[in-house]
């Protein structure tokens, strides 16, 4: 499959929420590996400060299902969530594979990185003599990795973990590494965004990124642009209460400044998405989520009041609404 064809399938603009991307990924990967005499994508996955929602979302990937992603596409070398090994055995595996695959592995980080008090608020491993913090692990592994992928908004930008008052001093991966980080944001991430990004790395290398480091394949347009209720917005026909069919802009919808393809990608198994379920978009892929989206269910103009001390609340979409 050519890169242009893959990109077109990723955008799914005419598929109406079908499984076009997920159906195509594994056959394309299989063909690519065979024709280029390559192996699966080696991945080291660290879970740090987050709610665990992103690996759960990833496990809900459909067509291909999780087992086939692991057996046919990813060589998961280490994961403190998915692996069976524990304690010293797990740490030994991490040390071994990070050296063996130096310069060749993709580092996936799930969760924000606490920096306060030398990162002591997130410990990923303990030895007989010391604790290994997420800050140390990400810093040490980020250098020799071929690619670094931050999965979820916490890993990408700090997210809810770094929301006010941020007692642990948590930040996104980009703030602890002096290198490019590919941010696959979302709270949680859509499994298509993550699996699609890893497939692109395996077959074509680095995808095109927006100004926030997100793949434009999935974040290139605002939610507002393709929202099924856009015609109501254009006619200034706004819902006054949740559950009404009109545009929910006055009920706090963040779609006009949120880069994501939720309206036509939809969520787990391509069944629904927030607006279809009669709740406003809360901007979970944004750099300033959740502080820039709160208080929820209030118009955007009112959200910005009293938030001068929070994160930057500029337009986060890949293009203008």
C-alpha atoms as a PDB file:
ATOM      1  CA  UNK A   1       0.000   0.000   0.000  1.00  0.00           C
ATOM      2  CA  UNK A   2       1.334   3.423  -0.951  1.00  0.00           C
ATOM      3  CA  UNK A   3       1.625   6.117   1.709  1.00  0.00           C
ATOM      4  CA  UNK A   4      -0.942   8.318  -0.050  1.00  0.00           C
ATOM      5  CA  UNK A   5      -3.490   5.498  -0.071  1.00  0.00           C
ATOM      6  CA  UNK A   6      -2.861   4.804   3.615  1.00  0.00           C
ATOM      7  CA  UNK A   7      -3.312   8.490   4.422  1.00  0.00           C
ATOM      8  CA  UNK A   8      -6.605   8.579   2.553  1.00  0.00           C
ATOM      9  CA  UNK A   9      -7.900   5.562   4.462  1.00  0.00           C
ATOM     10  CA  UNK A  10      -6.806   7.100   7.773  1.00  0.00           C
ATOM     11  CA  UNK A  11      -8.892  10.182   7.115  1.00  0.00           C
ATOM     12  CA  UNK A  12     -11.969   8.086   6.294  1.00  0.00           C
ATOM     13  CA  UNK A  13     -13.740  11.201   5.033  1.00  0.00           C
ATOM     14  CA  UNK A  14     -16.183   9.227   2.930  1.00  0.00           C
ATOM     15  CA  UNK A  15     -16.467   6.038   4.977  1.00  0.00           C
ATOM     16  CA  UNK A  16     -19.214   7.186   7.320  1.00  0.00           C
ATOM     17  CA  UNK A  17     -17.694   5.667  10.445  1.00  0.00           C
ATOM     18  CA  UNK A  18     -16.819   2.313   8.874  1.00  0.00           C
ATOM     19  CA  UNK A  19     -13.879   0.071   9.682  1.00  0.00           C
ATOM     20  CA  UNK A  20     -11.954   1.220   6.590  1.00  0.00           C
ATOM     21  CA  UNK A  21      -8.730   1.953   8.463  1.00  0.00           C
ATOM     22  CA  UNK A  22      -8.832  -0.905  10.930  1.00  0.00           C
ATOM     23  CA  UNK A  23      -9.657  -3.446   8.202  1.00  0.00           C
ATOM     24  CA  UNK A  24      -6.751  -2.230   6.070  1.00  0.00           C
ATOM     25  CA  UNK A  25      -3.993  -1.961   8.660  1.00  0.00           C
ATOM     26  CA  UNK A  26      -2.889  -5.560   9.168  1.00  0.00           C
ATOM     27  CA  UNK A  27      -2.981  -6.606   5.484  1.00  0.00           C
ATOM     28  CA  UNK A  28      -0.960  -3.490   4.635  1.00  0.00           C
ATOM     29  CA  UNK A  29       1.532  -4.194   7.428  1.00  0.00           C
ATOM     30  CA  UNK A  30       1.866  -7.856   6.390  1.00  0.00           C
ATOM     31  CA  UNK A  31       2.528  -6.900   2.781  1.00  0.00           C
ATOM     32  CA  UNK A  32       5.028  -4.231   3.827  1.00  0.00           C
ATOM     33  CA  UNK A  33       6.990  -6.515   6.140  1.00  0.00           C
ATOM     34  CA  UNK A  34       7.200  -9.242   3.513  1.00  0.00           C
ATOM     35  CA  UNK A  35       8.198  -6.953   0.639  1.00  0.00           C
ATOM     36  CA  UNK A  36      10.799  -5.064   2.689  1.00  0.00           C
ATOM     37  CA  UNK A  37      12.092  -8.071   4.654  1.00  0.00           C
ATOM     38  CA  UNK A  38      11.340  -6.257   7.908  1.00  0.00           C
ATOM     39  CA  UNK A  39      10.175  -7.341  11.339  1.00  0.00           C
ATOM     40  CA  UNK A  40       7.410  -6.043  13.593  1.00  0.00           C
ATOM     41  CA  UNK A  41       7.713  -2.640  15.282  1.00  0.00           C
ATOM     42  CA  UNK A  42       9.707  -3.019  18.532  1.00  0.00           C
ATOM     43  CA  UNK A  43       7.946  -1.148  21.340  1.00  0.00           C
ATOM     44  CA  UNK A  44       8.813  -0.329  24.939  1.00  0.00           C
ATOM     45  CA  UNK A  45       5.688   0.932  26.726  1.00  0.00           C
ATOM     46  CA  UNK A  46       5.835   2.764  30.048  1.00  0.00           C
ATOM     47  CA  UNK A  47       2.721   3.642  32.040  1.00  0.00           C
ATOM     48  CA  UNK A  48       3.296   6.568  34.385  1.00  0.00           C
ATOM     49  CA  UNK A  49       0.869   9.036  36.017  1.00  0.00           C
ATOM     50  CA  UNK A  50      -2.547   8.492  34.482  1.00  0.00           C
ATOM     51  CA  UNK A  51      -5.837   6.710  35.015  1.00  0.00           C
ATOM     52  CA  UNK A  52      -5.022   3.711  32.838  1.00  0.00           C
ATOM     53  CA  UNK A  53      -7.772   4.631  30.388  1.00  0.00           C
ATOM     54  CA  UNK A  54      -5.552   4.674  27.315  1.00  0.00           C
ATOM     55  CA  UNK A  55      -4.373   1.084  27.518  1.00  0.00           C
ATOM     56  CA  UNK A  56      -7.999   0.075  28.140  1.00  0.00           C
ATOM     57  CA  UNK A  57      -9.059   2.023  25.036  1.00  0.00           C
ATOM     58  CA  UNK A  58      -6.245   0.362  23.085  1.00  0.00           C
ATOM     59  CA  UNK A  59      -7.458  -3.064  24.224  1.00  0.00           C
ATOM     60  CA  UNK A  60     -10.825  -2.219  22.674  1.00  0.00           C
ATOM     61  CA  UNK A  61      -9.324  -1.875  19.205  1.00  0.00           C
ATOM     62  CA  UNK A  62     -11.515  -3.734  16.724  1.00  0.00           C
ATOM     63  CA  UNK A  63     -10.713  -5.160  13.295  1.00  0.00           C
ATOM     64  CA  UNK A  64      -7.851  -5.829  14.044  1.00  0.00           C
ATOM     65  CA  UNK A  65      -8.414  -7.068  17.565  1.00  0.00           C
ATOM     66  CA  UNK A  66      -5.731  -6.731  20.197  1.00  0.00           C
ATOM     67  CA  UNK A  67      -4.252 -10.222  19.839  1.00  0.00           C
ATOM     68  CA  UNK A  68      -3.589  -9.706  16.141  1.00  0.00           C
ATOM     69  CA  UNK A  69      -2.036  -6.290  16.709  1.00  0.00           C
ATOM     70  CA  UNK A  70       0.481  -7.936  19.048  1.00  0.00           C
ATOM     71  CA  UNK A  71       1.117 -11.030  16.940  1.00  0.00           C
ATOM     72  CA  UNK A  72       1.273  -9.382  13.509  1.00  0.00           C
ATOM     73  CA  UNK A  73       2.293  -5.751  13.999  1.00  0.00           C
ATOM     74  CA  UNK A  74       3.910  -4.903  17.350  1.00  0.00           C
ATOM     75  CA  UNK A  75       6.806  -6.555  19.104  1.00  0.00           C
ATOM     76  CA  UNK A  76       5.977  -5.464  22.655  1.00  0.00           C
ATOM     77  CA  UNK A  77       9.360  -5.766  24.348  1.00  0.00           C
ATOM     78  CA  UNK A  78       8.322  -4.339  27.717  1.00  0.00           C
ATOM     79  CA  UNK A  79       5.156  -3.039  29.298  1.00  0.00           C
ATOM     80  CA  UNK A  80       4.581  -2.618  33.011  1.00  0.00           C
ATOM     81  CA  UNK A  81       0.860  -3.009  32.226  1.00  0.00           C
ATOM     82  CA  UNK A  82       0.644  -5.889  29.749  1.00  0.00           C
ATOM     83  CA  UNK A  83       3.613  -8.107  30.654  1.00  0.00           C
ATOM     84  CA  UNK A  84       3.467 -11.071  33.012  1.00  0.00           C
ATOM     85  CA  UNK A  85       6.939 -10.573  34.500  1.00  0.00           C
ATOM     86  CA  UNK A  86       7.206  -8.590  37.717  1.00  0.00           C
ATOM     87  CA  UNK A  87       9.842  -7.163  40.004  1.00  0.00           C
ATOM     88  CA  UNK A  88      13.495  -7.794  39.214  1.00  0.00           C
ATOM     89  CA  UNK A  89      12.608 -10.018  36.245  1.00  0.00           C
ATOM     90  CA  UNK A  90      10.667  -7.209  34.578  1.00  0.00           C
ATOM     91  CA  UNK A  91      13.429  -4.678  35.214  1.00  0.00           C
ATOM     92  CA  UNK A  92      16.024  -7.055  33.775  1.00  0.00           C
ATOM     93  CA  UNK A  93      13.939  -7.375  30.615  1.00  0.00           C
ATOM     94  CA  UNK A  94      13.712  -3.607  30.319  1.00  0.00           C
ATOM     95  CA  UNK A  95      17.472  -3.182  30.720  1.00  0.00           C
ATOM     96  CA  UNK A  96      18.221  -5.928  28.208  1.00  0.00           C
ATOM     97  CA  UNK A  97      15.830  -4.902  25.433  1.00  0.00           C
ATOM     98  CA  UNK A  98      16.644  -1.192  25.690  1.00  0.00           C
ATOM     99  CA  UNK A  99      20.278  -2.036  24.980  1.00  0.00           C
ATOM    100  CA  UNK A 100      19.626  -4.721  22.358  1.00  0.00           C
ATOM    101  CA  UNK A 101      17.231  -2.518  20.378  1.00  0.00           C
ATOM    102  CA  UNK A 102      19.060   0.765  20.951  1.00  0.00           C
ATOM    103  CA  UNK A 103      18.152   3.240  18.214  1.00  0.00           C
ATOM    104  CA  UNK A 104      15.503   0.889  16.837  1.00  0.00           C
ATOM    105  CA  UNK A 105      12.674   0.765  19.385  1.00  0.00           C
ATOM    106  CA  UNK A 106       9.662   3.043  19.716  1.00  0.00           C
ATOM    107  CA  UNK A 107       9.114   4.358  23.228  1.00  0.00           C
ATOM    108  CA  UNK A 108       5.421   4.643  24.072  1.00  0.00           C
ATOM    109  CA  UNK A 109       4.665   6.646  27.204  1.00  0.00           C
ATOM    110  CA  UNK A 110       1.225   6.621  28.778  1.00  0.00           C
ATOM    111  CA  UNK A 111       0.680   9.219  31.480  1.00  0.00           C
ATOM    112  CA  UNK A 112       2.230  12.472  32.653  1.00  0.00           C
ATOM    113  CA  UNK A 113       5.653  12.740  34.262  1.00  0.00           C
ATOM    114  CA  UNK A 114       5.851  14.124  37.834  1.00  0.00           C
ATOM    115  CA  UNK A 115       8.892  16.385  38.215  1.00  0.00           C
ATOM    116  CA  UNK A 116       8.402  17.715  41.732  1.00  0.00           C
ATOM    117  CA  UNK A 117      10.768  16.331  44.396  1.00  0.00           C
ATOM    118  CA  UNK A 118      12.843  14.595  41.691  1.00  0.00           C
ATOM    119  CA  UNK A 119       9.849  12.677  40.406  1.00  0.00           C
ATOM    120  CA  UNK A 120       9.216  10.674  43.563  1.00  0.00           C
ATOM    121  CA  UNK A 121       5.430  10.688  43.017  1.00  0.00           C
ATOM    122  CA  UNK A 122       5.602   7.988  40.344  1.00  0.00           C
ATOM    123  CA  UNK A 123       7.832   4.955  40.838  1.00  0.00           C
ATOM    124  CA  UNK A 124       7.885   2.379  38.046  1.00  0.00           C
ATOM    125  CA  UNK A 125      10.379  -0.021  39.663  1.00  0.00           C
ATOM    126  CA  UNK A 126      12.267  -0.695  42.888  1.00  0.00           C
ATOM    127  CA  UNK A 127      15.627  -2.368  43.276  1.00  0.00           C
ATOM    128  CA  UNK A 128      17.358  -3.510  46.443  1.00  0.00           C
ATOM    129  CA  UNK A 129      18.996  -0.101  46.749  1.00  0.00           C
ATOM    130  CA  UNK A 130      16.754   2.529  45.145  1.00  0.00           C
ATOM    131  CA  UNK A 131      13.563   3.518  43.380  1.00  0.00           C
ATOM    132  CA  UNK A 132      13.378   4.211  39.654  1.00  0.00           C
ATOM    133  CA  UNK A 133      11.025   7.086  38.911  1.00  0.00           C
ATOM    134  CA  UNK A 134       9.033   7.653  35.750  1.00  0.00           C
ATOM    135  CA  UNK A 135      11.103  10.803  35.256  1.00  0.00           C
ATOM    136  CA  UNK A 136      14.335   8.798  35.261  1.00  0.00           C
ATOM    137  CA  UNK A 137      12.978   5.992  33.080  1.00  0.00           C
ATOM    138  CA  UNK A 138      11.495   8.262  30.418  1.00  0.00           C
ATOM    139  CA  UNK A 139      14.577  10.474  30.365  1.00  0.00           C
ATOM    140  CA  UNK A 140      16.921   7.510  30.055  1.00  0.00           C
ATOM    141  CA  UNK A 141      14.893   5.651  27.409  1.00  0.00           C
ATOM    142  CA  UNK A 142      13.859   8.709  25.411  1.00  0.00           C
ATOM    143  CA  UNK A 143      17.352   9.321  24.068  1.00  0.00           C
ATOM    144  CA  UNK A 144      18.091   5.954  22.439  1.00  0.00           C
ATOM    145  CA  UNK A 145      14.536   5.466  21.120  1.00  0.00           C
ATOM    146  CA  UNK A 146      14.008   5.814  17.378  1.00  0.00           C
ATOM    147  CA  UNK A 147      10.603   7.394  18.009  1.00  0.00           C
ATOM    148  CA  UNK A 148       8.807   8.593  21.127  1.00  0.00           C
ATOM    149  CA  UNK A 149       5.010   8.391  21.145  1.00  0.00           C
ATOM    150  CA  UNK A 150       2.956   9.974  23.935  1.00  0.00           C
ATOM    151  CA  UNK A 151      -0.371   8.146  24.097  1.00  0.00           C
ATOM    152  CA  UNK A 152      -3.176  10.150  25.687  1.00  0.00           C
ATOM    153  CA  UNK A 153      -3.438  13.777  26.724  1.00  0.00           C
ATOM    154  CA  UNK A 154      -1.660  13.267  30.052  1.00  0.00           C
ATOM    155  CA  UNK A 155       1.448  11.979  28.276  1.00  0.00           C
ATOM    156  CA  UNK A 156       1.174  14.536  25.522  1.00  0.00           C
ATOM    157  CA  UNK A 157       0.495  17.734  27.446  1.00  0.00           C
ATOM    158  CA  UNK A 158       0.017  16.914  31.141  1.00  0.00           C
ATOM    159  CA  UNK A 159      -3.756  16.540  30.902  1.00  0.00           C
ATOM    160  CA  UNK A 160      -5.884  15.911  33.992  1.00  0.00           C
ATOM    161  CA  UNK A 161      -2.794  14.788  35.906  1.00  0.00           C
ATOM    162  CA  UNK A 162      -1.279  18.247  35.478  1.00  0.00           C
ATOM    163  CA  UNK A 163      -4.529  20.150  36.029  1.00  0.00           C
ATOM    164  CA  UNK A 164      -4.661  22.798  38.737  1.00  0.00           C
ATOM    165  CA  UNK A 165      -3.316  22.689  41.394  1.00  0.00           C
ATOM    166  CA  UNK A 166      -0.881  20.042  40.018  1.00  0.00           C
ATOM    167  CA  UNK A 167       0.615  19.100  43.364  1.00  0.00           C
ATOM    168  CA  UNK A 168       3.095  16.638  41.810  1.00  0.00           C
ATOM    169  CA  UNK A 169       4.465  19.049  39.217  1.00  0.00           C
ATOM    170  CA  UNK A 170       3.377  16.744  36.407  1.00  0.00           C
ATOM    171  CA  UNK A 171       4.160  17.618  32.783  1.00  0.00           C
ATOM    172  CA  UNK A 172       3.892  16.042  29.372  1.00  0.00           C
ATOM    173  CA  UNK A 173       6.662  13.896  27.921  1.00  0.00           C
ATOM    174  CA  UNK A 174       7.755  16.730  25.620  1.00  0.00           C
ATOM    175  CA  UNK A 175       8.714  18.756  28.705  1.00  0.00           C
ATOM    176  CA  UNK A 176      11.259  16.226  29.946  1.00  0.00           C
ATOM    177  CA  UNK A 177      12.852  15.187  26.647  1.00  0.00           C
ATOM    178  CA  UNK A 178      14.953  17.349  24.356  1.00  0.00           C
ATOM    179  CA  UNK A 179      13.666  15.699  21.204  1.00  0.00           C
ATOM    180  CA  UNK A 180      10.569  15.344  19.049  1.00  0.00           C
ATOM    181  CA  UNK A 181       7.596  13.611  20.659  1.00  0.00           C
ATOM    182  CA  UNK A 182       4.642  12.373  18.617  1.00  0.00           C
ATOM    183  CA  UNK A 183       1.548  13.264  20.630  1.00  0.00           C
ATOM    184  CA  UNK A 184      -1.440  10.980  20.106  1.00  0.00           C
ATOM    185  CA  UNK A 185      -3.697  12.864  22.485  1.00  0.00           C
ATOM    186  CA  UNK A 186      -7.184  12.081  23.768  1.00  0.00           C
ATOM    187  CA  UNK A 187      -8.724  11.285  27.132  1.00  0.00           C
ATOM    188  CA  UNK A 188      -8.756   8.475  26.362  1.00  0.00           C
ATOM    189  CA  UNK A 189      -7.164   8.027  22.955  1.00  0.00           C
ATOM    190  CA  UNK A 190      -9.184   6.559  20.112  1.00  0.00           C
ATOM    191  CA  UNK A 191      -7.574   3.165  19.376  1.00  0.00           C
ATOM    192  CA  UNK A 192      -7.536   3.941  15.636  1.00  0.00           C
ATOM    193  CA  UNK A 193      -5.379   7.024  16.251  1.00  0.00           C
ATOM    194  CA  UNK A 194      -2.813   5.013  18.169  1.00  0.00           C
ATOM    195  CA  UNK A 195      -2.731   1.862  16.032  1.00  0.00           C
ATOM    196  CA  UNK A 196      -2.760   3.984  12.870  1.00  0.00           C
ATOM    197  CA  UNK A 197       0.175   6.066  14.099  1.00  0.00           C
ATOM    198  CA  UNK A 198       2.236   2.990  14.977  1.00  0.00           C
ATOM    199  CA  UNK A 199       1.418   1.433  11.587  1.00  0.00           C
ATOM    200  CA  UNK A 200       2.630   4.621   9.878  1.00  0.00           C
ATOM    201  CA  UNK A 201       5.888   4.533  11.867  1.00  0.00           C
ATOM    202  CA  UNK A 202       6.436   0.918  10.884  1.00  0.00           C
ATOM    203  CA  UNK A 203       5.713   1.333   7.189  1.00  0.00           C
ATOM    204  CA  UNK A 204       6.564   4.942   6.329  1.00  0.00           C
ATOM    205  CA  UNK A 205       8.335   6.483   9.312  1.00  0.00           C
ATOM    206  CA  UNK A 206       7.394   9.769  10.939  1.00  0.00           C
ATOM    207  CA  UNK A 207       3.894  11.050  10.006  1.00  0.00           C
ATOM    208  CA  UNK A 208       3.198  14.700   9.281  1.00  0.00           C
ATOM    209  CA  UNK A 209       2.546  16.510  12.557  1.00  0.00           C
ATOM    210  CA  UNK A 210       0.610  19.645  13.488  1.00  0.00           C
ATOM    211  CA  UNK A 211       2.007  22.432  15.650  1.00  0.00           C
ATOM    212  CA  UNK A 212       1.304  20.379  18.784  1.00  0.00           C
ATOM    213  CA  UNK A 213       3.135  17.330  17.494  1.00  0.00           C
ATOM    214  CA  UNK A 214      -0.059  15.395  16.659  1.00  0.00           C
ATOM    215  CA  UNK A 215      -0.433  13.357  13.438  1.00  0.00           C
ATOM    216  CA  UNK A 216      -2.421  15.443  10.967  1.00  0.00           C
ATOM    217  CA  UNK A 217      -3.955  12.176   9.719  1.00  0.00           C
ATOM    218  CA  UNK A 218      -6.241  12.273  12.749  1.00  0.00           C
ATOM    219  CA  UNK A 219      -6.023  15.800  14.193  1.00  0.00           C
ATOM    220  CA  UNK A 220      -5.837  17.929  11.040  1.00  0.00           C
ATOM    221  CA  UNK A 221      -9.372  19.342  11.286  1.00  0.00           C
ATOM    222  CA  UNK A 222     -11.527  20.533  14.133  1.00  0.00           C
ATOM    223  CA  UNK A 223     -14.418  18.515  15.495  1.00  0.00           C
ATOM    224  CA  UNK A 224     -16.604  21.468  14.521  1.00  0.00           C
ATOM    225  CA  UNK A 225     -15.740  21.184  10.832  1.00  0.00           C
ATOM    226  CA  UNK A 226     -17.326  17.763  10.354  1.00  0.00           C
ATOM    227  CA  UNK A 227     -19.846  17.752  13.189  1.00  0.00           C
ATOM    228  CA  UNK A 228     -23.265  16.399  12.202  1.00  0.00           C
ATOM    229  CA  UNK A 229     -24.834  19.402  13.959  1.00  0.00           C
ATOM    230  CA  UNK A 230     -22.795  21.973  12.023  1.00  0.00           C
ATOM    231  CA  UNK A 231     -25.809  23.130  10.013  1.00  0.00           C
ATOM    232  CA  UNK A 232     -27.560  24.119  13.256  1.00  0.00           C
ATOM    233  CA  UNK A 233     -24.526  26.209  14.232  1.00  0.00           C
ATOM    234  CA  UNK A 234     -24.442  27.925  10.845  1.00  0.00           C
ATOM    235  CA  UNK A 235     -28.121  28.818  11.268  1.00  0.00           C
ATOM    236  CA  UNK A 236     -27.525  29.983  14.853  1.00  0.00           C
ATOM    237  CA  UNK A 237     -29.940  27.352  16.096  1.00  0.00           C
ATOM    238  CA  UNK A 238     -28.609  26.369  19.514  1.00  0.00           C
ATOM    239  CA  UNK A 239     -29.799  23.831  22.072  1.00  0.00           C
ATOM    240  CA  UNK A 240     -30.854  25.281  25.412  1.00  0.00           C
ATOM    241  CA  UNK A 241     -30.733  22.016  27.334  1.00  0.00           C
ATOM    242  CA  UNK A 242     -28.826  18.757  27.055  1.00  0.00           C
ATOM    243  CA  UNK A 243     -30.711  16.225  24.968  1.00  0.00           C
ATOM    244  CA  UNK A 244     -32.009  18.691  22.402  1.00  0.00           C
ATOM    245  CA  UNK A 245     -31.102  18.065  18.778  1.00  0.00           C
ATOM    246  CA  UNK A 246     -29.633  21.484  17.952  1.00  0.00           C
ATOM    247  CA  UNK A 247     -25.980  22.629  18.165  1.00  0.00           C
ATOM    248  CA  UNK A 248     -24.598  22.487  21.720  1.00  0.00           C
ATOM    249  CA  UNK A 249     -22.200  25.421  21.362  1.00  0.00           C
ATOM    250  CA  UNK A 250     -23.974  27.412  24.088  1.00  0.00           C
ATOM    251  CA  UNK A 251     -23.865  24.338  26.346  1.00  0.00           C
ATOM    252  CA  UNK A 252     -20.081  24.396  26.360  1.00  0.00           C
ATOM    253  CA  UNK A 253     -19.155  22.376  23.266  1.00  0.00           C
ATOM    254  CA  UNK A 254     -15.423  22.751  22.556  1.00  0.00           C
ATOM    255  CA  UNK A 255     -15.659  21.425  18.994  1.00  0.00           C
ATOM    256  CA  UNK A 256     -14.675  24.718  17.275  1.00  0.00           C
ATOM    257  CA  UNK A 257     -11.210  24.637  18.865  1.00  0.00           C
ATOM    258  CA  UNK A 258     -10.594  20.898  19.185  1.00  0.00           C
ATOM    259  CA  UNK A 259      -8.551  19.039  16.603  1.00  0.00           C
ATOM    260  CA  UNK A 260      -9.901  15.486  16.153  1.00  0.00           C
ATOM    261  CA  UNK A 261     -11.864  13.403  13.662  1.00  0.00           C
ATOM    262  CA  UNK A 262     -14.435  12.096  16.180  1.00  0.00           C
ATOM    263  CA  UNK A 263     -17.535  13.007  14.078  1.00  0.00           C
ATOM    264  CA  UNK A 264     -16.757  10.461  11.370  1.00  0.00           C
ATOM    265  CA  UNK A 265     -14.228   8.197  13.118  1.00  0.00           C
ATOM    266  CA  UNK A 266     -16.516   7.705  16.115  1.00  0.00           C
ATOM    267  CA  UNK A 267     -15.433   5.642  19.087  1.00  0.00           C
ATOM    268  CA  UNK A 268     -15.008   2.061  20.224  1.00  0.00           C
ATOM    269  CA  UNK A 269     -16.018  -0.149  17.300  1.00  0.00           C
ATOM    270  CA  UNK A 270     -17.134   3.021  15.478  1.00  0.00           C
ATOM    271  CA  UNK A 271     -20.469   3.077  17.259  1.00  0.00           C
ATOM    272  CA  UNK A 272     -20.888   6.568  18.722  1.00  0.00           C
ATOM    273  CA  UNK A 273     -19.179   9.738  19.915  1.00  0.00           C
ATOM    274  CA  UNK A 274     -20.086  12.405  22.528  1.00  0.00           C
ATOM    275  CA  UNK A 275     -22.241  14.681  20.371  1.00  0.00           C
ATOM    276  CA  UNK A 276     -24.130  11.689  18.965  1.00  0.00           C
ATOM    277  CA  UNK A 277     -24.786  10.709  22.588  1.00  0.00           C
ATOM    278  CA  UNK A 278     -26.147  14.240  23.291  1.00  0.00           C
ATOM    279  CA  UNK A 279     -23.214  15.588  25.291  1.00  0.00           C
ATOM    280  CA  UNK A 280     -20.898  18.412  24.176  1.00  0.00           C
ATOM    281  CA  UNK A 281     -17.324  17.822  23.070  1.00  0.00           C
ATOM    282  CA  UNK A 282     -15.117  18.731  26.053  1.00  0.00           C
ATOM    283  CA  UNK A 283     -11.918  19.181  24.033  1.00  0.00           C
ATOM    284  CA  UNK A 284     -10.022  16.222  25.467  1.00  0.00           C
ATOM    285  CA  UNK A 285      -7.354  16.241  22.720  1.00  0.00           C
ATOM    286  CA  UNK A 286      -6.371  19.845  23.445  1.00  0.00           C
ATOM    287  CA  UNK A 287      -3.116  21.067  24.910  1.00  0.00           C
ATOM    288  CA  UNK A 288      -4.929  22.856  27.753  1.00  0.00           C
ATOM    289  CA  UNK A 289      -7.400  20.097  28.690  1.00  0.00           C
ATOM    290  CA  UNK A 290      -9.069  20.022  31.194  1.00  0.00           C
ATOM    291  CA  UNK A 291      -8.341  23.486  32.612  1.00  0.00           C
ATOM    292  CA  UNK A 292      -9.099  25.208  29.309  1.00  0.00           C
ATOM    293  CA  UNK A 293     -12.402  23.321  28.990  1.00  0.00           C
ATOM    294  CA  UNK A 294     -13.723  23.943  32.477  1.00  0.00           C
ATOM    295  CA  UNK A 295     -16.181  24.582  33.833  1.00  0.00           C
ATOM    296  CA  UNK A 296     -17.901  22.083  31.569  1.00  0.00           C
ATOM    297  CA  UNK A 297     -21.294  22.879  30.030  1.00  0.00           C
ATOM    298  CA  UNK A 298     -20.639  26.626  29.948  1.00  0.00           C
ATOM    299  CA  UNK A 299     -20.012  28.636  26.750  1.00  0.00           C
ATOM    300  CA  UNK A 300     -16.382  28.983  25.660  1.00  0.00           C
ATOM    301  CA  UNK A 301     -16.366  32.727  26.297  1.00  0.00           C
ATOM    302  CA  UNK A 302     -17.237  32.091  29.950  1.00  0.00           C
ATOM    303  CA  UNK A 303     -14.642  29.328  30.394  1.00  0.00           C
ATOM    304  CA  UNK A 304     -11.800  31.768  29.816  1.00  0.00           C
ATOM    305  CA  UNK A 305     -12.842  34.055  32.670  1.00  0.00           C
ATOM    306  CA  UNK A 306     -10.515  33.764  35.630  1.00  0.00           C
ATOM    307  CA  UNK A 307      -8.167  31.363  33.848  1.00  0.00           C
ATOM    308  CA  UNK A 308      -5.295  33.753  33.198  1.00  0.00           C
ATOM    309  CA  UNK A 309      -3.115  31.632  35.482  1.00  0.00           C
ATOM    310  CA  UNK A 310      -3.958  28.388  33.691  1.00  0.00           C
ATOM    311  CA  UNK A 311      -2.598  26.880  30.507  1.00  0.00           C
ATOM    312  CA  UNK A 312      -2.662  28.646  27.167  1.00  0.00           C
ATOM    313  CA  UNK A 313      -6.197  28.620  25.815  1.00  0.00           C
ATOM    314  CA  UNK A 314      -5.448  29.467  22.182  1.00  0.00           C
ATOM    315  CA  UNK A 315      -7.037  27.558  19.306  1.00  0.00           C
ATOM    316  CA  UNK A 316      -5.848  23.962  19.464  1.00  0.00           C
ATOM    317  CA  UNK A 317      -7.266  22.609  16.210  1.00  0.00           C
ATOM    318  CA  UNK A 318      -5.181  21.747  13.189  1.00  0.00           C
ATOM    319  CA  UNK A 319      -7.103  24.343  11.158  1.00  0.00           C
ATOM    320  CA  UNK A 320      -9.548  27.151  11.683  1.00  0.00           C
ATOM    321  CA  UNK A 321     -13.155  26.161  12.378  1.00  0.00           C
END
